[in-house]
Amino acid sequence: DWEAEDAAEKFHEYGYIRDNIAGSMQELWY
């Protein structure tokens, strides 16, 4: 939510922080 009080932190996590899973993972494909 861009209006949330912690929006900057949440968007940083959204854009840059990823788990590197070795196993079953849900992925986006276009």
All heavy atoms as atom14 arrays in JSON, in Angstrom:
{
  "sequence": "DWEAEDAAEKFHEYGYIRDNIAGSMQELWY",
  "atom14_mask": [
    [1, 1, 1, 1, 1, 1, 1, 1, 0, 0, 0, 0, 0, 0],
    [1, 1, 1, 1, 1, 1, 1, 1, 1, 1, 1, 1, 1, 1],
    [1, 1, 1, 1, 1, 1, 1, 1, 1, 0, 0, 0, 0, 0],
    [1, 1, 1, 1, 1, 0, 0, 0, 0, 0, 0, 0, 0, 0],
    [1, 1, 1, 1, 1, 1, 1, 1, 1, 0, 0, 0, 0, 0],
    [1, 1, 1, 1, 1, 1, 1, 1, 0, 0, 0, 0, 0, 0],
    [1, 1, 1, 1, 1, 0, 0, 0, 0, 0, 0, 0, 0, 0],
    [1, 1, 1, 1, 1, 0, 0, 0, 0, 0, 0, 0, 0, 0],
    [1, 1, 1, 1, 1, 1, 1, 1, 1, 0, 0, 0, 0, 0],
    [1, 1, 1, 1, 1, 1, 1, 1, 1, 0, 0, 0, 0, 0],
    [1, 1, 1, 1, 1, 1, 1, 1, 1, 1, 1, 0, 0, 0],
    [1, 1, 1, 1, 1, 1, 1, 1, 1, 1, 0, 0, 0, 0],
    [1, 1, 1, 1, 1, 1, 1, 1, 1, 0, 0, 0, 0, 0],
    [1, 1, 1, 1, 1, 1, 1, 1, 1, 1, 1, 1, 0, 0],
    [1, 1, 1, 1, 0, 0, 0, 0, 0, 0, 0, 0, 0, 0],
    [1, 1, 1, 1, 1, 1, 1, 1, 1, 1, 1, 1, 0, 0],
    [1, 1, 1, 1, 1, 1, 1, 1, 0, 0, 0, 0, 0, 0],
    [1, 1, 1, 1, 1, 1, 1, 1, 1, 1, 1, 0, 0, 0],
    [1, 1, 1, 1, 1, 1, 1, 1, 0, 0, 0, 0, 0, 0],
    [1, 1, 1, 1, 1, 1, 1, 1, 0, 0, 0, 0, 0, 0],
    [1, 1, 1, 1, 1, 1, 1, 1, 0, 0, 0, 0, 0, 0],
    [1, 1, 1, 1, 1, 0, 0, 0, 0, 0, 0, 0, 0, 0],
    [1, 1, 1, 1, 0, 0, 0, 0, 0, 0, 0, 0, 0, 0],
    [1, 1, 1, 1, 1, 1, 0, 0, 0, 0, 0, 0, 0, 0],
    [1, 1, 1, 1, 1, 1, 1, 1, 0, 0, 0, 0, 0, 0],
    [1, 1, 1, 1, 1, 1, 1, 1, 1, 0, 0, 0, 0, 0],
    [1, 1, 1, 1, 1, 1, 1, 1, 1, 0, 0, 0, 0, 0],
    [1, 1, 1, 1, 1, 1, 1, 1, 0, 0, 0, 0, 0, 0],
    [1, 1, 1, 1, 1, 1, 1, 1, 1, 1, 1, 1, 1, 1],
    [1, 1, 1, 1, 1, 1, 1, 1, 1, 1, 1, 1, 0, 0]
  ],
  "atom14_positions": [
    [[0.85, -1.18, 0.0], [0.0, 0.0, 0.0], [0.89, 1.24, 0.0], [1.65, 1.47, 0.94], [-0.9, -0.02, 1.24], [-1.79, 1.2, 1.35], [-1.84, 2.02, 0.41], [-2.45, 1.34, 2.39], [0.0, 0.0, 0.0], [0.0, 0.0, 0.0], [0.0, 0.0, 0.0], [0.0, 0.0, 0.0], [0.0, 0.0, 0.0], [0.0, 0.0, 0.0]],
    [[0.79, 2.04, -1.03], [1.65, 3.22, -1.16], [1.32, 4.29, -0.14], [2.13, 5.19, 0.13], [1.59, 3.79, -2.58], [0.26, 4.36, -2.96], [-0.8, 3.68, -3.48], [-0.16, 5.71, -2.85], [-1.86, 4.51, -3.7], [-1.48, 5.78, -3.31], [0.46, 6.88, -2.4], [-2.21, 6.96, -3.34], [-0.28, 8.05, -2.43], [-1.58, 8.09, -2.89]],
    [[0.15, 4.21, 0.49], [-0.24, 5.2, 1.48], [0.11, 4.8, 2.91], [-0.1, 5.58, 3.84], [-1.75, 5.47, 1.39], [-2.17, 6.12, 0.1], [-3.66, 6.36, 0.03], [-4.43, 5.42, 0.32], [-4.04, 7.49, -0.3], [0.0, 0.0, 0.0], [0.0, 0.0, 0.0], [0.0, 0.0, 0.0], [0.0, 0.0, 0.0], [0.0, 0.0, 0.0]],
    [[0.62, 3.61, 3.08], [0.96, 3.14, 4.43], [2.09, 3.96, 5.03], [2.91, 4.54, 4.32], [1.35, 1.66, 4.38], [0.0, 0.0, 0.0], [0.0, 0.0, 0.0], [0.0, 0.0, 0.0], [0.0, 0.0, 0.0], [0.0, 0.0, 0.0], [0.0, 0.0, 0.0], [0.0, 0.0, 0.0], [0.0, 0.0, 0.0], [0.0, 0.0, 0.0]],
    [[2.1, 4.0, 6.34], [3.12, 4.77, 7.06], [4.53, 4.26, 6.76], [5.47, 5.05, 6.66], [2.84, 4.68, 8.56], [3.41, 5.82, 9.34], [2.9, 5.82, 10.77], [1.69, 6.05, 10.97], [3.73, 5.57, 11.66], [0.0, 0.0, 0.0], [0.0, 0.0, 0.0], [0.0, 0.0, 0.0], [0.0, 0.0, 0.0], [0.0, 0.0, 0.0]],
    [[4.68, 2.96, 6.59], [5.99, 2.35, 6.32], [6.14, 1.99, 4.83], [6.85, 1.05, 4.48], [6.19, 1.13, 7.19], [5.14, 0.05, 6.96], [4.1, 0.33, 6.31], [5.35, -1.08, 7.43], [0.0, 0.0, 0.0], [0.0, 0.0, 0.0], [0.0, 0.0, 0.0], [0.0, 0.0, 0.0], [0.0, 0.0, 0.0], [0.0, 0.0, 0.0]],
    [[5.51, 2.76, 3.94], [5.5, 2.45, 2.51], [6.91, 2.37, 1.91], [7.18, 1.48, 1.11], [4.67, 3.48, 1.75], [0.0, 0.0, 0.0], [0.0, 0.0, 0.0], [0.0, 0.0, 0.0], [0.0, 0.0, 0.0], [0.0, 0.0, 0.0], [0.0, 0.0, 0.0], [0.0, 0.0, 0.0], [0.0, 0.0, 0.0], [0.0, 0.0, 0.0]],
    [[7.81, 3.27, 2.28], [9.16, 3.25, 1.71], [9.87, 1.94, 2.03], [10.49, 1.33, 1.15], [9.97, 4.44, 2.23], [0.0, 0.0, 0.0], [0.0, 0.0, 0.0], [0.0, 0.0, 0.0], [0.0, 0.0, 0.0], [0.0, 0.0, 0.0], [0.0, 0.0, 0.0], [0.0, 0.0, 0.0], [0.0, 0.0, 0.0], [0.0, 0.0, 0.0]],
    [[9.78, 1.5, 3.27], [10.41, 0.25, 3.67], [9.77, -0.94, 2.95], [10.46, -1.82, 2.46], [10.28, 0.06, 5.18], [10.86, -1.24, 5.68], [10.65, -1.44, 7.17], [10.5, -0.45, 7.9], [10.63, -2.61, 7.58], [0.0, 0.0, 0.0], [0.0, 0.0, 0.0], [0.0, 0.0, 0.0], [0.0, 0.0, 0.0], [0.0, 0.0, 0.0]],
    [[8.43, -0.94, 2.87], [7.72, -2.04, 2.22], [8.03, -2.11, 0.72], [8.2, -3.19, 0.17], [6.21, -1.91, 2.43], [5.79, -2.1, 3.86], [6.07, -3.51, 4.32], [5.57, -3.7, 5.74], [6.01, -4.96, 6.32], [0.0, 0.0, 0.0], [0.0, 0.0, 0.0], [0.0, 0.0, 0.0], [0.0, 0.0, 0.0], [0.0, 0.0, 0.0]],
    [[8.14, -0.95, 0.06], [8.47, -0.96, -1.37], [9.92, -1.36, -1.61], [10.24, -1.98, -2.63], [8.15, 0.38, -2.02], [6.76, 0.45, -2.56], [5.74, 1.03, -1.82], [6.43, -0.11, -3.78], [4.44, 1.06, -2.29], [5.14, -0.1, -4.27], [4.14, 0.5, -3.52], [0.0, 0.0, 0.0], [0.0, 0.0, 0.0], [0.0, 0.0, 0.0]],
    [[10.81, -1.03, -0.68], [12.2, -1.51, -0.79], [12.22, -3.03, -0.74], [12.85, -3.68, -1.58], [13.06, -0.93, 0.33], [14.42, -1.53, 0.38], [15.42, -1.17, -0.5], [14.94, -2.51, 1.16], [16.5, -1.88, -0.24], [16.23, -2.71, 0.75], [0.0, 0.0, 0.0], [0.0, 0.0, 0.0], [0.0, 0.0, 0.0], [0.0, 0.0, 0.0]],
    [[11.51, -3.61, 0.23], [11.43, -5.07, 0.34], [10.78, -5.67, -0.91], [11.24, -6.68, -1.43], [10.63, -5.47, 1.58], [11.33, -5.14, 2.88], [10.44, -5.37, 4.1], [9.3, -5.89, 3.95], [10.88, -5.01, 5.2], [0.0, 0.0, 0.0], [0.0, 0.0, 0.0], [0.0, 0.0, 0.0], [0.0, 0.0, 0.0], [0.0, 0.0, 0.0]],
    [[9.72, -5.04, -1.38], [8.98, -5.51, -2.56], [9.86, -5.53, -3.81], [9.83, -6.46, -4.59], [7.78, -4.59, -2.77], [6.96, -4.87, -4.01], [6.02, -5.89, -4.02], [7.09, -4.08, -5.14], [5.25, -6.13, -5.15], [6.32, -4.32, -6.27], [5.4, -5.35, -6.27], [4.64, -5.58, -7.38], [0.0, 0.0, 0.0], [0.0, 0.0, 0.0]],
    [[10.68, -4.49, -3.95], [11.5, -4.37, -5.16], [12.83, -5.11, -5.13], [13.34, -5.49, -6.17], [0.0, 0.0, 0.0], [0.0, 0.0, 0.0], [0.0, 0.0, 0.0], [0.0, 0.0, 0.0], [0.0, 0.0, 0.0], [0.0, 0.0, 0.0], [0.0, 0.0, 0.0], [0.0, 0.0, 0.0], [0.0, 0.0, 0.0], [0.0, 0.0, 0.0]],
    [[13.38, -5.32, -3.92], [14.75, -5.82, -3.87], [14.96, -7.1, -3.06], [15.95, -7.8, -3.29], [15.67, -4.75, -3.28], [15.75, -3.53, -4.15], [15.07, -2.37, -3.81], [16.49, -3.54, -5.33], [15.13, -1.24, -4.61], [16.55, -2.42, -6.14], [15.87, -1.28, -5.78], [15.93, -0.17, -6.59], [0.0, 0.0, 0.0], [0.0, 0.0, 0.0]],
    [[14.11, -7.41, -2.12], [14.35, -8.56, -1.24], [13.62, -9.78, -1.78], [12.4, -9.77, -1.95], [13.9, -8.25, 0.21], [14.52, -6.96, 0.72], [14.21, -9.44, 1.11], [16.04, -6.95, 0.74], [0.0, 0.0, 0.0], [0.0, 0.0, 0.0], [0.0, 0.0, 0.0], [0.0, 0.0, 0.0], [0.0, 0.0, 0.0], [0.0, 0.0, 0.0]],
    [[14.36, -10.84, -2.07], [13.78, -12.08, -2.58], [14.39, -13.27, -1.85], [15.57, -13.26, -1.49], [14.09, -12.26, -4.08], [13.52, -11.22, -4.97], [12.01, -11.42, -5.17], [11.48, -10.44, -6.06], [11.07, -9.22, -5.71], [11.13, -8.86, -4.46], [10.58, -8.38, -6.58], [0.0, 0.0, 0.0], [0.0, 0.0, 0.0], [0.0, 0.0, 0.0]],
    [[13.58, -14.29, -1.68], [14.09, -15.56, -1.17], [14.65, -16.34, -2.34], [14.08, -16.32, -3.44], [12.97, -16.38, -0.51], [12.48, -15.74, 0.78], [13.27, -15.07, 1.45], [11.29, -15.93, 1.1], [0.0, 0.0, 0.0], [0.0, 0.0, 0.0], [0.0, 0.0, 0.0], [0.0, 0.0, 0.0], [0.0, 0.0, 0.0], [0.0, 0.0, 0.0]],
    [[15.77, -17.0, -2.14], [16.37, -17.84, -3.17], [16.07, -19.3, -2.8], [16.87, -19.98, -2.19], [17.87, -17.59, -3.25], [18.5, -18.28, -4.43], [17.81, -18.76, -5.32], [19.82, -18.33, -4.45], [0.0, 0.0, 0.0], [0.0, 0.0, 0.0], [0.0, 0.0, 0.0], [0.0, 0.0, 0.0], [0.0, 0.0, 0.0], [0.0, 0.0, 0.0]],
    [[14.88, -19.73, -3.17], [14.37, -21.03, -2.75], [14.93, -22.15, -3.61], [14.92, -22.07, -4.83], [12.82, -21.02, -2.82], [12.27, -19.99, -1.84], [12.25, -22.4, -2.55], [10.79, -19.77, -1.98], [0.0, 0.0, 0.0], [0.0, 0.0, 0.0], [0.0, 0.0, 0.0], [0.0, 0.0, 0.0], [0.0, 0.0, 0.0], [0.0, 0.0, 0.0]],
    [[15.39, -23.21, -2.95], [15.77, -24.43, -3.65], [14.65, -25.43, -3.38], [14.62, -26.09, -2.36], [17.1, -24.96, -3.14], [0.0, 0.0, 0.0], [0.0, 0.0, 0.0], [0.0, 0.0, 0.0], [0.0, 0.0, 0.0], [0.0, 0.0, 0.0], [0.0, 0.0, 0.0], [0.0, 0.0, 0.0], [0.0, 0.0, 0.0], [0.0, 0.0, 0.0]],
    [[13.69, -25.47, -4.29], [12.52, -26.33, -4.11], [11.31, -25.71, -4.75], [11.42, -24.9, -5.67], [0.0, 0.0, 0.0], [0.0, 0.0, 0.0], [0.0, 0.0, 0.0], [0.0, 0.0, 0.0], [0.0, 0.0, 0.0], [0.0, 0.0, 0.0], [0.0, 0.0, 0.0], [0.0, 0.0, 0.0], [0.0, 0.0, 0.0], [0.0, 0.0, 0.0]],
    [[10.13, -26.06, -4.26], [8.88, -25.6, -4.84], [8.67, -24.1, -4.61], [8.81, -23.61, -3.49], [7.71, -26.38, -4.24], [6.51, -26.0, -4.85], [0.0, 0.0, 0.0], [0.0, 0.0, 0.0], [0.0, 0.0, 0.0], [0.0, 0.0, 0.0], [0.0, 0.0, 0.0], [0.0, 0.0, 0.0], [0.0, 0.0, 0.0], [0.0, 0.0, 0.0]],
    [[8.34, -23.4, -5.69], [8.19, -21.95, -5.63], [7.12, -21.51, -6.62], [7.01, -22.06, -7.71], [9.53, -21.3, -5.99], [9.53, -19.83, -6.0], [11.22, -19.23, -6.28], [10.89, -17.5, -6.38], [0.0, 0.0, 0.0], [0.0, 0.0, 0.0], [0.0, 0.0, 0.0], [0.0, 0.0, 0.0], [0.0, 0.0, 0.0], [0.0, 0.0, 0.0]],
    [[6.35, -20.5, -6.24], [5.39, -19.91, -7.17], [6.07, -18.77, -7.91], [6.68, -17.9, -7.29], [4.15, -19.39, -6.43], [3.23, -20.48, -5.97], [1.92, -19.91, -5.45], [1.91, -18.94, -4.71], [0.82, -20.52, -5.85], [0.0, 0.0, 0.0], [0.0, 0.0, 0.0], [0.0, 0.0, 0.0], [0.0, 0.0, 0.0], [0.0, 0.0, 0.0]],
    [[5.95, -18.78, -9.24], [6.63, -17.8, -10.09], [5.64, -17.16, -11.05], [4.66, -17.77, -11.44], [7.73, -18.47, -10.91], [8.72, -19.23, -10.08], [9.62, -20.12, -10.93], [9.18, -20.64, -11.98], [10.78, -20.3, -10.52], [0.0, 0.0, 0.0], [0.0, 0.0, 0.0], [0.0, 0.0, 0.0], [0.0, 0.0, 0.0], [0.0, 0.0, 0.0]],
    [[5.94, -15.93, -11.46], [5.14, -15.25, -12.48], [5.76, -15.46, -13.85], [6.97, -15.26, -14.03], [5.09, -13.74, -12.18], [4.16, -13.31, -11.07], [4.37, -11.83, -10.76], [2.72, -13.57, -11.44], [0.0, 0.0, 0.0], [0.0, 0.0, 0.0], [0.0, 0.0, 0.0], [0.0, 0.0, 0.0], [0.0, 0.0, 0.0], [0.0, 0.0, 0.0]],
    [[4.94, -15.85, -14.81], [5.36, -16.04, -16.19], [4.37, -15.28, -17.08], [3.16, -15.35, -16.88], [5.36, -17.52, -16.57], [6.45, -18.31, -15.92], [6.53, -18.69, -14.62], [7.62, -18.81, -16.55], [7.68, -19.42, -14.4], [8.37, -19.5, -15.58], [8.11, -18.77, -17.85], [9.57, -20.12, -15.87], [9.31, -19.4, -18.13], [10.03, -20.07, -17.15]],
    [[4.89, -14.57, -18.08], [4.08, -13.79, -19.01], [4.08, -14.46, -20.37], [5.15, -14.74, -20.93], [4.64, -12.37, -19.11], [3.93, -11.48, -20.09], [2.6, -11.12, -19.9], [4.59, -11.0, -21.21], [1.95, -10.3, -20.8], [3.94, -10.18, -22.12], [2.63, -9.84, -21.9], [1.97, -9.02, -22.8], [0.0, 0.0, 0.0], [0.0, 0.0, 0.0]]
  ]
}
